[in-house]
Amino acid sequence: MFKGFREFILRGNVVDLAVAVILGAAFNAIVSSLVGDVLNPLIAATVGKPDFSSVVLHVGGGEIKVGNFFNAAVSFLIVACVVYFAIVVPMNALLARFKKPAAAPTTKTCPQCLSEIPLAARRCAHCTQPVAG
């Protein structure tokens, strides 16, 4: 029982996922600070107070705090933009730089027996049929 649990925990993708969650939590603090301490004041300086918490709908005897939802939605969109443009776009550009071009094929298929043969072959090694070059 413990052997199976140990194999599960030490499996590569579980450890990678744990590291990703920990780094994600740490990165959340950085992005939240960027949004709350840098971007929101810039938005406030440009268009006024970027806070919708005062928007409240009164239905019957209760209050629906629509403004808090708007605040969360705007914060999410800002965080998504920051993550996309600060991490995803540069990472895709970096990976594209290191991506190897597709290698040219070195074999072709014999039309008679459908086996793989070298491109320079004039006859199939499997069925000895002539192959067009």
N, C-alpha and C. Protein backbone atom coordinates (compact mmCIF):
# COMPACT_ATOMS: atom_id res chain seq x y z
N MET A 1 0.82 -1.18 0.00
CA MET A 1 0.00 0.00 0.00
C MET A 1 0.87 1.25 0.00
N PHE A 2 1.87 1.31 0.87
CA PHE A 2 2.73 2.49 0.93
C PHE A 2 3.66 2.56 -0.28
N LYS A 3 4.01 1.41 -0.85
CA LYS A 3 4.86 1.39 -2.02
C LYS A 3 4.16 2.08 -3.19
N GLY A 4 2.89 1.78 -3.39
CA GLY A 4 2.12 2.42 -4.45
C GLY A 4 1.98 3.92 -4.22
N PHE A 5 1.78 4.32 -2.96
CA PHE A 5 1.67 5.74 -2.63
C PHE A 5 3.00 6.44 -2.90
N ARG A 6 4.11 5.80 -2.53
CA ARG A 6 5.42 6.38 -2.76
C ARG A 6 5.68 6.54 -4.26
N GLU A 7 5.32 5.54 -5.05
CA GLU A 7 5.50 5.64 -6.49
C GLU A 7 4.64 6.76 -7.08
N PHE A 8 3.44 6.92 -6.55
CA PHE A 8 2.56 7.99 -7.02
C PHE A 8 3.15 9.37 -6.70
N ILE A 9 3.63 9.54 -5.48
CA ILE A 9 4.17 10.83 -5.06
C ILE A 9 5.45 11.16 -5.81
N LEU A 10 6.29 10.18 -6.04
CA LEU A 10 7.57 10.43 -6.69
C LEU A 10 7.49 10.42 -8.21
N ARG A 11 6.31 10.21 -8.74
CA ARG A 11 6.13 10.29 -10.18
C ARG A 11 6.42 11.72 -10.61
N GLY A 12 7.05 11.90 -11.75
CA GLY A 12 7.51 13.21 -12.19
C GLY A 12 6.42 14.27 -12.28
N ASN A 13 5.27 13.92 -12.83
CA ASN A 13 4.25 14.95 -13.04
C ASN A 13 3.63 15.43 -11.73
N VAL A 14 3.60 14.61 -10.71
CA VAL A 14 3.05 15.04 -9.42
C VAL A 14 3.98 16.05 -8.78
N VAL A 15 5.27 15.78 -8.82
CA VAL A 15 6.25 16.71 -8.25
C VAL A 15 6.24 18.01 -9.05
N ASP A 16 6.18 17.93 -10.36
CA ASP A 16 6.13 19.13 -11.19
C ASP A 16 4.88 19.95 -10.88
N LEU A 17 3.76 19.28 -10.68
CA LEU A 17 2.53 19.98 -10.35
C LEU A 17 2.65 20.68 -9.00
N ALA A 18 3.25 20.01 -8.02
CA ALA A 18 3.42 20.63 -6.70
C ALA A 18 4.30 21.87 -6.80
N VAL A 19 5.38 21.77 -7.56
CA VAL A 19 6.25 22.94 -7.74
C VAL A 19 5.50 24.06 -8.45
N ALA A 20 4.70 23.72 -9.44
CA ALA A 20 3.93 24.73 -10.16
C ALA A 20 2.93 25.44 -9.25
N VAL A 21 2.29 24.69 -8.35
CA VAL A 21 1.33 25.30 -7.43
C VAL A 21 2.04 26.25 -6.47
N ILE A 22 3.18 25.82 -5.97
CA ILE A 22 3.93 26.68 -5.03
C ILE A 22 4.41 27.94 -5.74
N LEU A 23 4.97 27.79 -6.93
CA LEU A 23 5.43 28.96 -7.68
C LEU A 23 4.25 29.85 -8.08
N GLY A 24 3.12 29.23 -8.40
CA GLY A 24 1.93 30.01 -8.74
C GLY A 24 1.45 30.86 -7.57
N ALA A 25 1.50 30.29 -6.38
CA ALA A 25 1.09 31.06 -5.19
C ALA A 25 2.04 32.23 -4.95
N ALA A 26 3.34 31.98 -5.12
CA ALA A 26 4.31 33.06 -4.95
C ALA A 26 4.15 34.11 -6.04
N PHE A 27 3.91 33.67 -7.26
CA PHE A 27 3.74 34.61 -8.36
C PHE A 27 2.45 35.41 -8.21
N ASN A 28 1.44 34.82 -7.58
CA ASN A 28 0.19 35.52 -7.33
C ASN A 28 0.43 36.78 -6.51
N ALA A 29 1.30 36.71 -5.53
CA ALA A 29 1.60 37.88 -4.71
C ALA A 29 2.24 38.98 -5.56
N ILE A 30 3.13 38.59 -6.47
CA ILE A 30 3.79 39.58 -7.32
C ILE A 30 2.78 40.23 -8.26
N VAL A 31 1.94 39.43 -8.90
CA VAL A 31 0.98 39.97 -9.85
C VAL A 31 -0.08 40.81 -9.12
N SER A 32 -0.52 40.36 -7.95
CA SER A 32 -1.49 41.14 -7.17
C SER A 32 -0.91 42.50 -6.78
N SER A 33 0.35 42.52 -6.40
CA SER A 33 1.01 43.78 -6.06
C SER A 33 1.12 44.67 -7.29
N LEU A 34 1.46 44.08 -8.43
CA LEU A 34 1.55 44.87 -9.66
C LEU A 34 0.20 45.48 -10.00
N VAL A 35 -0.85 44.70 -9.89
CA VAL A 35 -2.19 45.21 -10.21
C VAL A 35 -2.64 46.25 -9.18
N GLY A 36 -2.50 45.91 -7.90
CA GLY A 36 -3.01 46.80 -6.86
C GLY A 36 -2.17 48.04 -6.63
N ASP A 37 -0.85 47.91 -6.74
CA ASP A 37 0.03 49.03 -6.39
C ASP A 37 0.54 49.82 -7.58
N VAL A 38 0.47 49.25 -8.80
CA VAL A 38 1.00 49.97 -9.95
C VAL A 38 -0.11 50.28 -10.96
N LEU A 39 -0.81 49.24 -11.43
CA LEU A 39 -1.77 49.47 -12.52
C LEU A 39 -3.03 50.19 -12.06
N ASN A 40 -3.60 49.80 -10.93
CA ASN A 40 -4.82 50.49 -10.47
C ASN A 40 -4.58 51.98 -10.20
N PRO A 41 -3.47 52.38 -9.56
CA PRO A 41 -3.23 53.82 -9.42
C PRO A 41 -3.05 54.53 -10.76
N LEU A 42 -2.45 53.85 -11.74
CA LEU A 42 -2.33 54.46 -13.06
C LEU A 42 -3.70 54.65 -13.70
N ILE A 43 -4.56 53.64 -13.54
CA ILE A 43 -5.92 53.77 -14.07
C ILE A 43 -6.67 54.87 -13.32
N ALA A 44 -6.49 54.94 -12.01
CA ALA A 44 -7.15 55.97 -11.21
C ALA A 44 -6.69 57.36 -11.63
N ALA A 45 -5.41 57.52 -11.93
CA ALA A 45 -4.90 58.82 -12.36
C ALA A 45 -5.44 59.20 -13.73
N THR A 46 -5.76 58.21 -14.53
CA THR A 46 -6.22 58.47 -15.89
C THR A 46 -7.73 58.71 -15.95
N VAL A 47 -8.51 57.82 -15.36
CA VAL A 47 -9.97 57.89 -15.52
C VAL A 47 -10.72 58.12 -14.21
N GLY A 48 -10.06 58.30 -13.14
CA GLY A 48 -10.73 58.46 -11.87
C GLY A 48 -10.59 57.21 -11.03
N LYS A 49 -11.40 57.12 -9.99
CA LYS A 49 -11.29 56.01 -9.05
C LYS A 49 -11.69 54.69 -9.71
N PRO A 50 -10.75 53.70 -9.78
CA PRO A 50 -11.08 52.42 -10.43
C PRO A 50 -11.70 51.43 -9.46
N ASP A 51 -12.70 51.88 -8.74
CA ASP A 51 -13.31 51.03 -7.72
C ASP A 51 -14.82 51.08 -7.92
N PHE A 52 -15.41 49.92 -8.12
CA PHE A 52 -16.85 49.84 -8.36
C PHE A 52 -17.61 49.33 -7.13
N SER A 53 -16.96 49.29 -5.99
CA SER A 53 -17.60 48.68 -4.81
C SER A 53 -18.83 49.45 -4.34
N SER A 54 -18.98 50.68 -4.78
CA SER A 54 -20.16 51.45 -4.36
C SER A 54 -21.39 51.11 -5.19
N VAL A 55 -21.24 50.32 -6.25
CA VAL A 55 -22.38 49.95 -7.08
C VAL A 55 -23.12 48.80 -6.39
N VAL A 56 -24.32 49.10 -5.93
CA VAL A 56 -25.11 48.12 -5.18
C VAL A 56 -26.55 48.18 -5.71
N LEU A 57 -27.12 47.02 -5.97
CA LEU A 57 -28.53 46.95 -6.36
C LEU A 57 -29.35 46.55 -5.14
N HIS A 58 -30.45 47.27 -4.91
CA HIS A 58 -31.34 46.95 -3.80
C HIS A 58 -32.54 46.20 -4.36
N VAL A 59 -32.66 44.94 -3.97
CA VAL A 59 -33.77 44.11 -4.43
C VAL A 59 -34.51 43.64 -3.18
N GLY A 60 -35.74 44.06 -3.08
CA GLY A 60 -36.51 43.72 -1.89
C GLY A 60 -35.82 44.31 -0.66
N GLY A 61 -35.50 43.47 0.31
CA GLY A 61 -34.81 43.94 1.50
C GLY A 61 -33.32 43.65 1.46
N GLY A 62 -32.81 43.09 0.36
CA GLY A 62 -31.40 42.71 0.30
C GLY A 62 -30.61 43.58 -0.66
N GLU A 63 -29.32 43.42 -0.54
CA GLU A 63 -28.41 44.16 -1.41
C GLU A 63 -27.63 43.19 -2.29
N ILE A 64 -27.53 43.51 -3.54
CA ILE A 64 -26.69 42.74 -4.46
C ILE A 64 -25.50 43.64 -4.78
N LYS A 65 -24.33 43.21 -4.35
CA LYS A 65 -23.12 44.02 -4.50
C LYS A 65 -22.47 43.72 -5.86
N VAL A 66 -23.04 44.33 -6.88
CA VAL A 66 -22.56 44.14 -8.24
C VAL A 66 -21.16 44.74 -8.40
N GLY A 67 -20.88 45.79 -7.71
CA GLY A 67 -19.59 46.47 -7.82
C GLY A 67 -18.42 45.58 -7.42
N ASN A 68 -18.61 44.77 -6.38
CA ASN A 68 -17.53 43.86 -5.97
C ASN A 68 -17.24 42.84 -7.07
N PHE A 69 -18.30 42.38 -7.74
CA PHE A 69 -18.10 41.48 -8.87
C PHE A 69 -17.34 42.17 -9.99
N PHE A 70 -17.71 43.42 -10.30
CA PHE A 70 -17.00 44.16 -11.34
C PHE A 70 -15.53 44.34 -10.97
N ASN A 71 -15.26 44.64 -9.69
CA ASN A 71 -13.87 44.77 -9.24
C ASN A 71 -13.09 43.48 -9.47
N ALA A 72 -13.70 42.36 -9.11
CA ALA A 72 -13.03 41.07 -9.29
C ALA A 72 -12.83 40.76 -10.77
N ALA A 73 -13.81 41.08 -11.60
CA ALA A 73 -13.70 40.81 -13.04
C ALA A 73 -12.61 41.68 -13.67
N VAL A 74 -12.56 42.95 -13.32
CA VAL A 74 -11.52 43.83 -13.86
C VAL A 74 -10.14 43.39 -13.38
N SER A 75 -10.04 43.03 -12.11
CA SER A 75 -8.76 42.55 -11.58
C SER A 75 -8.32 41.29 -12.30
N PHE A 76 -9.26 40.36 -12.55
CA PHE A 76 -8.93 39.14 -13.28
C PHE A 76 -8.44 39.45 -14.68
N LEU A 77 -9.12 40.36 -15.39
CA LEU A 77 -8.70 40.70 -16.75
C LEU A 77 -7.31 41.34 -16.76
N ILE A 78 -7.03 42.18 -15.79
CA ILE A 78 -5.71 42.80 -15.71
C ILE A 78 -4.65 41.74 -15.43
N VAL A 79 -4.92 40.85 -14.49
CA VAL A 79 -3.96 39.78 -14.17
C VAL A 79 -3.76 38.89 -15.39
N ALA A 80 -4.83 38.54 -16.10
CA ALA A 80 -4.72 37.70 -17.29
C ALA A 80 -3.87 38.38 -18.36
N CYS A 81 -4.06 39.67 -18.55
CA CYS A 81 -3.25 40.41 -19.53
C CYS A 81 -1.79 40.43 -19.12
N VAL A 82 -1.52 40.69 -17.85
CA VAL A 82 -0.14 40.73 -17.37
C VAL A 82 0.51 39.36 -17.56
N VAL A 83 -0.17 38.30 -17.17
CA VAL A 83 0.40 36.96 -17.32
C VAL A 83 0.63 36.63 -18.79
N TYR A 84 -0.33 36.97 -19.64
CA TYR A 84 -0.18 36.66 -21.06
C TYR A 84 0.98 37.41 -21.68
N PHE A 85 1.03 38.74 -21.47
CA PHE A 85 2.05 39.54 -22.13
C PHE A 85 3.41 39.47 -21.45
N ALA A 86 3.45 39.14 -20.16
CA ALA A 86 4.74 39.09 -19.45
C ALA A 86 5.33 37.68 -19.42
N ILE A 87 4.50 36.65 -19.59
CA ILE A 87 5.02 35.28 -19.48
C ILE A 87 4.78 34.49 -20.76
N VAL A 88 3.55 34.42 -21.21
CA VAL A 88 3.21 33.52 -22.32
C VAL A 88 3.85 33.97 -23.63
N VAL A 89 3.73 35.24 -23.98
CA VAL A 89 4.29 35.72 -25.24
C VAL A 89 5.81 35.59 -25.26
N PRO A 90 6.54 36.05 -24.21
CA PRO A 90 8.00 35.86 -24.25
C PRO A 90 8.40 34.38 -24.25
N MET A 91 7.68 33.54 -23.52
CA MET A 91 8.03 32.11 -23.49
C MET A 91 7.81 31.47 -24.86
N ASN A 92 6.72 31.82 -25.54
CA ASN A 92 6.49 31.29 -26.89
C ASN A 92 7.57 31.75 -27.86
N ALA A 93 8.00 33.01 -27.74
CA ALA A 93 9.07 33.51 -28.60
C ALA A 93 10.38 32.77 -28.32
N LEU A 94 10.67 32.53 -27.05
CA LEU A 94 11.89 31.81 -26.67
C LEU A 94 11.85 30.37 -27.18
N LEU A 95 10.73 29.71 -27.02
CA LEU A 95 10.61 28.33 -27.50
C LEU A 95 10.69 28.25 -29.02
N ALA A 96 10.16 29.25 -29.70
CA ALA A 96 10.23 29.26 -31.17
C ALA A 96 11.67 29.41 -31.64
N ARG A 97 12.49 30.13 -30.88
CA ARG A 97 13.90 30.28 -31.23
C ARG A 97 14.65 28.97 -31.16
N PHE A 98 14.33 28.16 -30.15
CA PHE A 98 15.05 26.92 -29.93
C PHE A 98 14.44 25.73 -30.66
N LYS A 99 13.31 25.93 -31.30
CA LYS A 99 12.65 24.83 -31.99
C LYS A 99 13.44 24.47 -33.23
N LYS A 100 13.72 23.21 -33.38
CA LYS A 100 14.47 22.74 -34.54
C LYS A 100 13.54 22.65 -35.75
N PRO A 101 14.05 23.01 -36.91
CA PRO A 101 13.20 22.87 -38.11
C PRO A 101 12.97 21.39 -38.41
N ALA A 102 11.87 21.13 -39.03
CA ALA A 102 11.53 19.74 -39.36
C ALA A 102 12.56 19.18 -40.33
N ALA A 103 13.04 17.99 -40.03
CA ALA A 103 14.03 17.34 -40.88
C ALA A 103 13.38 16.84 -42.16
N ALA A 104 14.14 16.90 -43.23
CA ALA A 104 13.64 16.40 -44.50
C ALA A 104 13.50 14.88 -44.42
N PRO A 105 12.50 14.32 -45.08
CA PRO A 105 12.32 12.87 -45.00
C PRO A 105 13.51 12.14 -45.64
N THR A 106 13.88 11.01 -45.07
CA THR A 106 14.99 10.21 -45.59
C THR A 106 14.52 8.92 -46.21
N THR A 107 13.23 8.65 -46.10
CA THR A 107 12.69 7.41 -46.67
C THR A 107 11.45 7.72 -47.49
N LYS A 108 11.09 6.74 -48.31
CA LYS A 108 9.84 6.82 -49.06
C LYS A 108 9.15 5.47 -48.96
N THR A 109 7.92 5.40 -49.38
CA THR A 109 7.14 4.18 -49.28
C THR A 109 7.13 3.46 -50.62
N CYS A 110 7.39 2.19 -50.56
CA CYS A 110 7.32 1.37 -51.77
C CYS A 110 5.86 1.28 -52.20
N PRO A 111 5.55 1.57 -53.48
CA PRO A 111 4.15 1.52 -53.91
C PRO A 111 3.59 0.10 -53.97
N GLN A 112 4.45 -0.90 -54.05
CA GLN A 112 4.00 -2.28 -54.16
C GLN A 112 3.70 -2.89 -52.79
N CYS A 113 4.72 -2.87 -51.88
CA CYS A 113 4.54 -3.56 -50.59
C CYS A 113 4.37 -2.60 -49.42
N LEU A 114 4.43 -1.31 -49.67
CA LEU A 114 4.22 -0.25 -48.68
C LEU A 114 5.25 -0.25 -47.56
N SER A 115 6.43 -0.81 -47.79
CA SER A 115 7.50 -0.77 -46.79
C SER A 115 8.31 0.51 -46.98
N GLU A 116 9.00 0.92 -45.94
CA GLU A 116 9.84 2.12 -45.99
C GLU A 116 11.18 1.77 -46.61
N ILE A 117 11.59 2.57 -47.60
CA ILE A 117 12.88 2.36 -48.26
C ILE A 117 13.60 3.70 -48.35
N PRO A 118 14.93 3.71 -48.48
CA PRO A 118 15.67 4.98 -48.61
C PRO A 118 15.25 5.75 -49.85
N LEU A 119 15.39 7.06 -49.81
CA LEU A 119 14.99 7.89 -50.94
C LEU A 119 15.79 7.57 -52.20
N ALA A 120 17.06 7.21 -52.06
CA ALA A 120 17.90 6.95 -53.23
C ALA A 120 17.70 5.56 -53.82
N ALA A 121 16.92 4.72 -53.19
CA ALA A 121 16.74 3.34 -53.66
C ALA A 121 16.00 3.31 -54.99
N ARG A 122 16.46 2.39 -55.88
CA ARG A 122 15.80 2.22 -57.17
C ARG A 122 14.94 0.97 -57.18
N ARG A 123 15.23 0.07 -56.23
CA ARG A 123 14.43 -1.14 -56.06
C ARG A 123 14.12 -1.30 -54.58
N CYS A 124 12.97 -1.86 -54.29
CA CYS A 124 12.57 -2.12 -52.91
C CYS A 124 13.37 -3.32 -52.38
N ALA A 125 13.94 -3.19 -51.21
CA ALA A 125 14.72 -4.26 -50.62
C ALA A 125 13.83 -5.39 -50.13
N HIS A 126 12.56 -5.15 -49.97
CA HIS A 126 11.64 -6.17 -49.44
C HIS A 126 10.98 -6.99 -50.55
N CYS A 127 10.52 -6.30 -51.59
CA CYS A 127 9.79 -7.02 -52.64
C CYS A 127 10.51 -6.99 -53.99
N THR A 128 11.62 -6.32 -54.09
CA THR A 128 12.49 -6.17 -55.28
C THR A 128 11.80 -5.53 -56.47
N GLN A 129 10.73 -4.80 -56.25
CA GLN A 129 10.05 -4.09 -57.33
C GLN A 129 10.83 -2.82 -57.65
N PRO A 130 10.89 -2.44 -58.93
CA PRO A 130 11.51 -1.16 -59.27
C PRO A 130 10.68 -0.01 -58.70
N VAL A 131 11.38 1.01 -58.22
CA VAL A 131 10.70 2.15 -57.61
C VAL A 131 11.12 3.40 -58.38
N ALA A 132 10.15 4.21 -58.76
CA ALA A 132 10.45 5.44 -59.49
C ALA A 132 11.15 6.41 -58.55
N GLY A 133 12.14 7.10 -59.05
CA GLY A 133 13.02 7.93 -58.27
C GLY A 133 12.48 9.19 -57.79
